[in-house]
N, C-alpha and C. Protein backbone atom coordinates (compact mmCIF):
# COMPACT_ATOMS: atom_id res chain seq x y z
N MET A 1 1.78 9.21 24.16
CA MET A 1 1.83 7.77 24.33
C MET A 1 1.04 7.06 23.22
N LYS A 2 -0.09 7.66 22.84
CA LYS A 2 -0.93 7.08 21.80
C LYS A 2 -0.18 7.04 20.47
N GLU A 3 0.62 8.07 20.21
CA GLU A 3 1.37 8.14 18.96
C GLU A 3 2.46 7.07 18.91
N LYS A 4 3.14 6.86 20.05
CA LYS A 4 4.18 5.83 20.11
C LYS A 4 3.57 4.44 19.95
N THR A 5 2.42 4.23 20.55
CA THR A 5 1.75 2.94 20.42
C THR A 5 1.38 2.67 18.97
N GLY A 6 0.90 3.69 18.27
CA GLY A 6 0.55 3.53 16.85
C GLY A 6 1.76 3.17 16.01
N ILE A 7 2.91 3.78 16.31
CA ILE A 7 4.12 3.46 15.56
C ILE A 7 4.61 2.06 15.89
N ILE A 8 4.53 1.67 17.14
CA ILE A 8 4.95 0.32 17.53
C ILE A 8 4.07 -0.73 16.85
N ILE A 9 2.77 -0.50 16.82
CA ILE A 9 1.86 -1.43 16.14
C ILE A 9 2.15 -1.46 14.65
N GLY A 10 2.43 -0.31 14.04
CA GLY A 10 2.77 -0.26 12.63
C GLY A 10 4.04 -1.03 12.31
N VAL A 11 5.05 -0.92 13.18
CA VAL A 11 6.29 -1.67 12.99
C VAL A 11 6.04 -3.17 13.14
N MET A 12 5.20 -3.54 14.11
CA MET A 12 4.88 -4.96 14.30
C MET A 12 4.15 -5.52 13.08
N ILE A 13 3.20 -4.78 12.55
CA ILE A 13 2.45 -5.25 11.37
C ILE A 13 3.38 -5.35 10.16
N THR A 14 4.26 -4.37 9.99
CA THR A 14 5.21 -4.41 8.88
C THR A 14 6.13 -5.62 9.01
N THR A 15 6.58 -5.91 10.22
CA THR A 15 7.43 -7.08 10.46
C THR A 15 6.68 -8.38 10.16
N ILE A 16 5.43 -8.46 10.59
CA ILE A 16 4.63 -9.67 10.33
C ILE A 16 4.43 -9.86 8.83
N VAL A 17 4.18 -8.78 8.11
CA VAL A 17 4.00 -8.89 6.65
C VAL A 17 5.31 -9.35 6.00
N LEU A 18 6.45 -8.81 6.43
CA LEU A 18 7.73 -9.23 5.87
C LEU A 18 8.01 -10.70 6.17
N LEU A 19 7.72 -11.13 7.39
CA LEU A 19 7.92 -12.54 7.74
C LEU A 19 7.00 -13.45 6.93
N THR A 20 5.76 -13.04 6.76
CA THR A 20 4.82 -13.83 5.95
C THR A 20 5.30 -13.92 4.51
N LEU A 21 5.80 -12.82 3.97
CA LEU A 21 6.32 -12.81 2.60
C LEU A 21 7.53 -13.73 2.49
N ALA A 22 8.41 -13.69 3.49
CA ALA A 22 9.59 -14.55 3.46
C ALA A 22 9.21 -16.03 3.53
N ILE A 23 8.27 -16.37 4.40
CA ILE A 23 7.82 -17.77 4.50
C ILE A 23 7.16 -18.22 3.20
N TRP A 24 6.36 -17.35 2.62
CA TRP A 24 5.70 -17.68 1.35
C TRP A 24 6.74 -17.90 0.25
N MET A 25 7.77 -17.05 0.22
CA MET A 25 8.81 -17.19 -0.81
C MET A 25 9.62 -18.47 -0.61
N LEU A 26 9.86 -18.86 0.64
CA LEU A 26 10.61 -20.08 0.90
C LEU A 26 9.85 -21.32 0.45
N ASN A 27 8.54 -21.28 0.48
CA ASN A 27 7.72 -22.44 0.11
C ASN A 27 7.33 -22.46 -1.36
N LEU A 28 7.76 -21.47 -2.13
CA LEU A 28 7.37 -21.41 -3.54
C LEU A 28 8.07 -22.46 -4.40
N GLY A 29 9.34 -22.64 -4.21
CA GLY A 29 10.09 -23.52 -5.10
C GLY A 29 10.68 -22.71 -6.23
N THR A 30 9.98 -22.66 -7.36
CA THR A 30 10.45 -21.85 -8.49
C THR A 30 9.57 -20.62 -8.62
N LEU A 31 10.18 -19.52 -9.02
CA LEU A 31 9.45 -18.27 -9.19
C LEU A 31 9.00 -18.11 -10.63
N GLU A 32 7.77 -17.71 -10.80
CA GLU A 32 7.25 -17.38 -12.13
C GLU A 32 7.19 -15.86 -12.25
N THR A 33 6.95 -15.38 -13.46
CA THR A 33 6.93 -13.95 -13.70
C THR A 33 5.85 -13.25 -12.89
N THR A 34 4.69 -13.85 -12.80
CA THR A 34 3.60 -13.22 -12.05
C THR A 34 3.93 -13.14 -10.56
N GLU A 35 4.63 -14.14 -10.05
CA GLU A 35 5.00 -14.11 -8.64
C GLU A 35 6.06 -13.05 -8.36
N ILE A 36 6.97 -12.85 -9.28
CA ILE A 36 7.99 -11.81 -9.12
C ILE A 36 7.32 -10.44 -9.11
N GLY A 37 6.33 -10.25 -9.98
CA GLY A 37 5.60 -8.98 -9.98
C GLY A 37 4.85 -8.75 -8.68
N SER A 38 4.24 -9.81 -8.16
CA SER A 38 3.52 -9.69 -6.90
C SER A 38 4.47 -9.36 -5.76
N ILE A 39 5.62 -10.00 -5.74
CA ILE A 39 6.61 -9.73 -4.70
C ILE A 39 7.10 -8.29 -4.79
N ALA A 40 7.34 -7.81 -5.99
CA ALA A 40 7.80 -6.44 -6.17
C ALA A 40 6.76 -5.43 -5.68
N ILE A 41 5.50 -5.67 -5.98
CA ILE A 41 4.44 -4.77 -5.53
C ILE A 41 4.34 -4.78 -4.01
N ILE A 42 4.42 -5.96 -3.41
CA ILE A 42 4.34 -6.05 -1.95
C ILE A 42 5.51 -5.33 -1.30
N ILE A 43 6.71 -5.52 -1.83
CA ILE A 43 7.88 -4.86 -1.26
C ILE A 43 7.79 -3.35 -1.43
N LEU A 44 7.26 -2.89 -2.56
CA LEU A 44 7.07 -1.46 -2.77
C LEU A 44 6.10 -0.87 -1.74
N LEU A 45 5.00 -1.55 -1.49
CA LEU A 45 4.04 -1.07 -0.50
C LEU A 45 4.61 -1.11 0.92
N ILE A 46 5.39 -2.13 1.22
CA ILE A 46 6.02 -2.21 2.55
C ILE A 46 7.03 -1.08 2.72
N ALA A 47 7.80 -0.80 1.69
CA ALA A 47 8.79 0.28 1.76
C ALA A 47 8.10 1.63 1.97
N ALA A 48 7.00 1.86 1.28
CA ALA A 48 6.27 3.12 1.46
C ALA A 48 5.70 3.24 2.86
N ALA A 49 5.16 2.15 3.39
CA ALA A 49 4.64 2.15 4.76
C ALA A 49 5.76 2.37 5.77
N ALA A 50 6.92 1.76 5.53
CA ALA A 50 8.06 1.95 6.42
C ALA A 50 8.54 3.40 6.40
N TYR A 51 8.48 4.04 5.23
CA TYR A 51 8.86 5.45 5.15
C TYR A 51 7.92 6.32 5.98
N VAL A 52 6.63 6.05 5.88
CA VAL A 52 5.66 6.82 6.66
C VAL A 52 5.89 6.61 8.16
N LEU A 53 6.15 5.37 8.57
CA LEU A 53 6.43 5.09 9.98
C LEU A 53 7.70 5.79 10.43
N TRP A 54 8.73 5.78 9.59
CA TRP A 54 9.99 6.44 9.92
C TRP A 54 9.79 7.95 10.06
N ASP A 55 9.02 8.53 9.16
CA ASP A 55 8.76 9.97 9.21
C ASP A 55 8.01 10.35 10.49
N ARG A 56 7.05 9.54 10.87
CA ARG A 56 6.30 9.83 12.10
C ARG A 56 7.15 9.61 13.34
N ALA A 57 8.01 8.60 13.32
CA ALA A 57 8.92 8.38 14.45
C ALA A 57 9.91 9.52 14.58
N LYS A 58 10.34 10.04 13.45
CA LYS A 58 11.26 11.19 13.45
C LYS A 58 10.58 12.41 14.07
N ASN A 59 9.30 12.61 13.78
CA ASN A 59 8.57 13.72 14.37
C ASN A 59 8.43 13.55 15.88
N ILE A 60 8.22 12.33 16.34
CA ILE A 60 8.11 12.08 17.78
C ILE A 60 9.44 12.41 18.48
N LYS A 61 10.56 12.03 17.87
CA LYS A 61 11.87 12.32 18.46
C LYS A 61 12.10 13.82 18.58
N LYS A 62 11.59 14.58 17.62
CA LYS A 62 11.74 16.03 17.65
C LYS A 62 10.75 16.70 18.59
N GLY A 63 9.80 15.93 19.10
CA GLY A 63 8.79 16.48 20.00
C GLY A 63 7.59 17.07 19.27
N LEU A 64 7.47 16.77 18.00
CA LEU A 64 6.36 17.26 17.19
C LEU A 64 5.25 16.22 17.17
N PRO A 65 4.03 16.63 16.86
CA PRO A 65 2.96 15.64 16.72
C PRO A 65 3.19 14.81 15.45
N THR A 66 2.76 13.55 15.49
CA THR A 66 2.96 12.69 14.33
C THR A 66 2.04 13.06 13.18
N LYS A 67 0.87 13.55 13.52
CA LYS A 67 -0.08 13.98 12.50
C LYS A 67 -0.53 15.40 12.80
N ASP A 68 -0.32 16.29 11.86
CA ASP A 68 -0.88 17.62 11.98
C ASP A 68 -2.05 17.73 11.01
N GLU A 69 -2.61 18.91 10.90
CA GLU A 69 -3.80 19.07 10.04
C GLU A 69 -3.47 18.84 8.57
N ARG A 70 -2.26 19.19 8.17
CA ARG A 70 -1.86 18.99 6.78
C ARG A 70 -1.83 17.50 6.45
N LEU A 71 -1.25 16.68 7.33
CA LEU A 71 -1.19 15.25 7.08
C LEU A 71 -2.56 14.59 7.15
N LEU A 72 -3.44 15.12 8.00
CA LEU A 72 -4.81 14.59 8.02
C LEU A 72 -5.51 14.85 6.69
N THR A 73 -5.36 16.05 6.17
CA THR A 73 -5.97 16.39 4.88
C THR A 73 -5.37 15.53 3.78
N ILE A 74 -4.05 15.34 3.82
CA ILE A 74 -3.39 14.50 2.82
C ILE A 74 -3.89 13.06 2.92
N SER A 75 -4.07 12.56 4.14
CA SER A 75 -4.58 11.19 4.32
C SER A 75 -5.99 11.06 3.75
N TYR A 76 -6.83 12.05 4.00
CA TYR A 76 -8.20 12.00 3.47
C TYR A 76 -8.20 12.04 1.95
N LYS A 77 -7.38 12.92 1.36
CA LYS A 77 -7.32 12.99 -0.10
C LYS A 77 -6.79 11.69 -0.69
N SER A 78 -5.75 11.15 -0.10
CA SER A 78 -5.17 9.91 -0.60
C SER A 78 -6.17 8.76 -0.47
N GLY A 79 -6.90 8.72 0.63
CA GLY A 79 -7.93 7.71 0.80
C GLY A 79 -9.02 7.83 -0.25
N TYR A 80 -9.38 9.06 -0.58
CA TYR A 80 -10.38 9.29 -1.62
C TYR A 80 -9.86 8.79 -2.97
N TYR A 81 -8.61 9.13 -3.29
CA TYR A 81 -8.03 8.69 -4.56
C TYR A 81 -7.92 7.16 -4.61
N GLY A 82 -7.55 6.55 -3.49
CA GLY A 82 -7.48 5.09 -3.44
C GLY A 82 -8.84 4.44 -3.62
N PHE A 83 -9.88 5.06 -3.02
CA PHE A 83 -11.24 4.54 -3.15
C PHE A 83 -11.71 4.62 -4.60
N ILE A 84 -11.47 5.75 -5.24
CA ILE A 84 -11.86 5.91 -6.64
C ILE A 84 -11.10 4.91 -7.51
N ALA A 85 -9.82 4.72 -7.25
CA ALA A 85 -9.03 3.74 -8.01
C ALA A 85 -9.57 2.33 -7.79
N ALA A 86 -10.02 2.02 -6.58
CA ALA A 86 -10.58 0.70 -6.30
C ALA A 86 -11.84 0.47 -7.12
N ILE A 87 -12.68 1.48 -7.19
CA ILE A 87 -13.92 1.34 -7.96
C ILE A 87 -13.62 1.12 -9.43
N TRP A 88 -12.74 1.97 -10.00
CA TRP A 88 -12.45 1.86 -11.42
C TRP A 88 -11.68 0.59 -11.75
N SER A 89 -10.82 0.14 -10.84
CA SER A 89 -10.10 -1.11 -11.12
C SER A 89 -11.04 -2.30 -11.06
N ALA A 90 -12.06 -2.25 -10.20
CA ALA A 90 -13.05 -3.34 -10.16
C ALA A 90 -13.88 -3.37 -11.43
N VAL A 91 -14.11 -2.22 -12.02
CA VAL A 91 -14.93 -2.15 -13.24
C VAL A 91 -14.10 -2.48 -14.48
N PHE A 92 -12.96 -1.79 -14.62
CA PHE A 92 -12.21 -1.90 -15.87
C PHE A 92 -11.11 -2.96 -15.85
N GLY A 93 -10.68 -3.42 -14.69
CA GLY A 93 -9.64 -4.45 -14.64
C GLY A 93 -10.05 -5.73 -15.34
N PRO A 94 -11.18 -6.33 -14.94
CA PRO A 94 -11.62 -7.56 -15.64
C PRO A 94 -11.92 -7.33 -17.12
N LEU A 95 -12.44 -6.15 -17.43
CA LEU A 95 -12.75 -5.85 -18.84
C LEU A 95 -11.48 -5.79 -19.68
N LEU A 96 -10.44 -5.12 -19.17
CA LEU A 96 -9.19 -5.03 -19.91
C LEU A 96 -8.50 -6.39 -20.03
N ILE A 97 -8.54 -7.17 -18.97
CA ILE A 97 -7.95 -8.51 -19.04
C ILE A 97 -8.67 -9.36 -20.07
N ASP A 98 -10.00 -9.24 -20.12
CA ASP A 98 -10.77 -10.00 -21.10
C ASP A 98 -10.45 -9.56 -22.52
N ILE A 99 -10.31 -8.25 -22.73
CA ILE A 99 -10.01 -7.75 -24.07
C ILE A 99 -8.59 -8.13 -24.49
N LEU A 100 -7.62 -7.93 -23.57
CA LEU A 100 -6.22 -8.15 -23.93
C LEU A 100 -5.84 -9.63 -23.99
N PHE A 101 -6.32 -10.41 -23.04
CA PHE A 101 -5.86 -11.80 -22.93
C PHE A 101 -6.94 -12.83 -23.23
N GLY A 102 -8.19 -12.41 -23.31
CA GLY A 102 -9.25 -13.31 -23.71
C GLY A 102 -9.73 -14.29 -22.66
N TYR A 103 -9.57 -13.98 -21.38
CA TYR A 103 -10.14 -14.85 -20.35
C TYR A 103 -10.69 -14.00 -19.21
N GLU A 104 -11.62 -14.61 -18.50
CA GLU A 104 -12.29 -13.91 -17.41
C GLU A 104 -11.54 -14.14 -16.10
N LEU A 105 -11.35 -13.06 -15.37
CA LEU A 105 -10.67 -13.16 -14.08
C LEU A 105 -11.56 -13.82 -13.04
N GLU A 106 -10.96 -14.64 -12.19
CA GLU A 106 -11.68 -15.22 -11.07
C GLU A 106 -11.95 -14.12 -10.04
N ALA A 107 -12.92 -14.35 -9.19
CA ALA A 107 -13.29 -13.34 -8.19
C ALA A 107 -12.13 -13.03 -7.25
N SER A 108 -11.34 -14.02 -6.88
CA SER A 108 -10.21 -13.78 -5.98
C SER A 108 -9.16 -12.90 -6.63
N ARG A 109 -8.98 -13.05 -7.92
CA ARG A 109 -8.00 -12.22 -8.64
C ARG A 109 -8.51 -10.78 -8.80
N VAL A 110 -9.81 -10.62 -8.98
CA VAL A 110 -10.38 -9.27 -9.05
C VAL A 110 -10.21 -8.58 -7.70
N THR A 111 -10.44 -9.32 -6.62
CA THR A 111 -10.26 -8.76 -5.29
C THR A 111 -8.80 -8.36 -5.08
N ALA A 112 -7.88 -9.20 -5.48
CA ALA A 112 -6.46 -8.87 -5.36
C ALA A 112 -6.12 -7.64 -6.19
N LEU A 113 -6.66 -7.55 -7.38
CA LEU A 113 -6.43 -6.40 -8.24
C LEU A 113 -6.92 -5.12 -7.59
N VAL A 114 -8.10 -5.16 -7.02
CA VAL A 114 -8.68 -3.98 -6.37
C VAL A 114 -7.83 -3.55 -5.18
N VAL A 115 -7.41 -4.50 -4.36
CA VAL A 115 -6.62 -4.17 -3.17
C VAL A 115 -5.26 -3.61 -3.56
N ILE A 116 -4.60 -4.23 -4.52
CA ILE A 116 -3.27 -3.78 -4.92
C ILE A 116 -3.33 -2.42 -5.59
N VAL A 117 -4.26 -2.23 -6.51
CA VAL A 117 -4.36 -0.94 -7.21
C VAL A 117 -4.71 0.18 -6.23
N SER A 118 -5.68 -0.05 -5.36
CA SER A 118 -6.04 1.00 -4.41
C SER A 118 -4.90 1.29 -3.44
N GLY A 119 -4.16 0.25 -3.03
CA GLY A 119 -3.01 0.46 -2.15
C GLY A 119 -1.90 1.26 -2.81
N ILE A 120 -1.62 0.94 -4.06
CA ILE A 120 -0.58 1.68 -4.78
C ILE A 120 -1.00 3.13 -5.00
N VAL A 121 -2.24 3.35 -5.39
CA VAL A 121 -2.71 4.72 -5.60
C VAL A 121 -2.70 5.50 -4.29
N PHE A 122 -3.14 4.87 -3.19
CA PHE A 122 -3.12 5.55 -1.91
C PHE A 122 -1.70 5.95 -1.51
N MET A 123 -0.77 5.00 -1.58
CA MET A 123 0.59 5.30 -1.12
C MET A 123 1.29 6.30 -2.02
N THR A 124 1.13 6.18 -3.34
CA THR A 124 1.79 7.14 -4.21
C THR A 124 1.21 8.54 -4.05
N SER A 125 -0.10 8.64 -3.92
CA SER A 125 -0.68 9.97 -3.73
C SER A 125 -0.33 10.53 -2.36
N TYR A 126 -0.27 9.68 -1.33
CA TYR A 126 0.11 10.14 0.01
C TYR A 126 1.54 10.66 0.01
N LEU A 127 2.45 9.88 -0.57
CA LEU A 127 3.85 10.29 -0.59
C LEU A 127 4.04 11.52 -1.46
N TYR A 128 3.34 11.60 -2.58
CA TYR A 128 3.46 12.77 -3.45
C TYR A 128 2.94 14.02 -2.74
N LEU A 129 1.76 13.93 -2.16
CA LEU A 129 1.19 15.11 -1.49
C LEU A 129 1.98 15.49 -0.26
N ALA A 130 2.55 14.52 0.46
CA ALA A 130 3.34 14.82 1.66
C ALA A 130 4.64 15.50 1.30
N THR A 131 5.27 15.09 0.21
CA THR A 131 6.53 15.72 -0.19
C THR A 131 6.30 17.03 -0.94
N LYS A 132 5.15 17.13 -1.57
CA LYS A 132 4.83 18.36 -2.31
C LYS A 132 4.65 19.52 -1.32
N GLY A 133 4.09 19.22 -0.15
CA GLY A 133 3.97 20.24 0.88
C GLY A 133 2.66 20.99 0.87
N LYS A 134 1.85 20.80 -0.15
CA LYS A 134 0.56 21.48 -0.22
C LYS A 134 -0.53 20.46 0.01
N ASN A 135 -1.67 20.91 0.47
CA ASN A 135 -2.79 19.98 0.63
C ASN A 135 -3.87 20.43 -0.25
């Protein structure tokens, strides 16, 4: 029952994020290049989360546990990689933007950079390690 509740909550959160993205897009007016990039990143992260939810729901239908020891190890490793990416993106992101474009990032943009980079690293490493089959 706990596993089904987790999947239901995950589907609800994914739906809320999609609805929020749709409302935000409706209120934009015209799209700029940076907004298209942000939308693409958000959709990529939502698709990866939906794949993980689908995989766990498939395991429940088969009568298997949603998380075994291999997936727990993969989650821990991916979390570690995401954490390291967050640290390095907080350090080198503003530095690279300053070198390449000549302006300093605002604190809100640095926070967004850290969250997006760590999310992408977490999801790509999770999906890679889960499909690779080794931990």
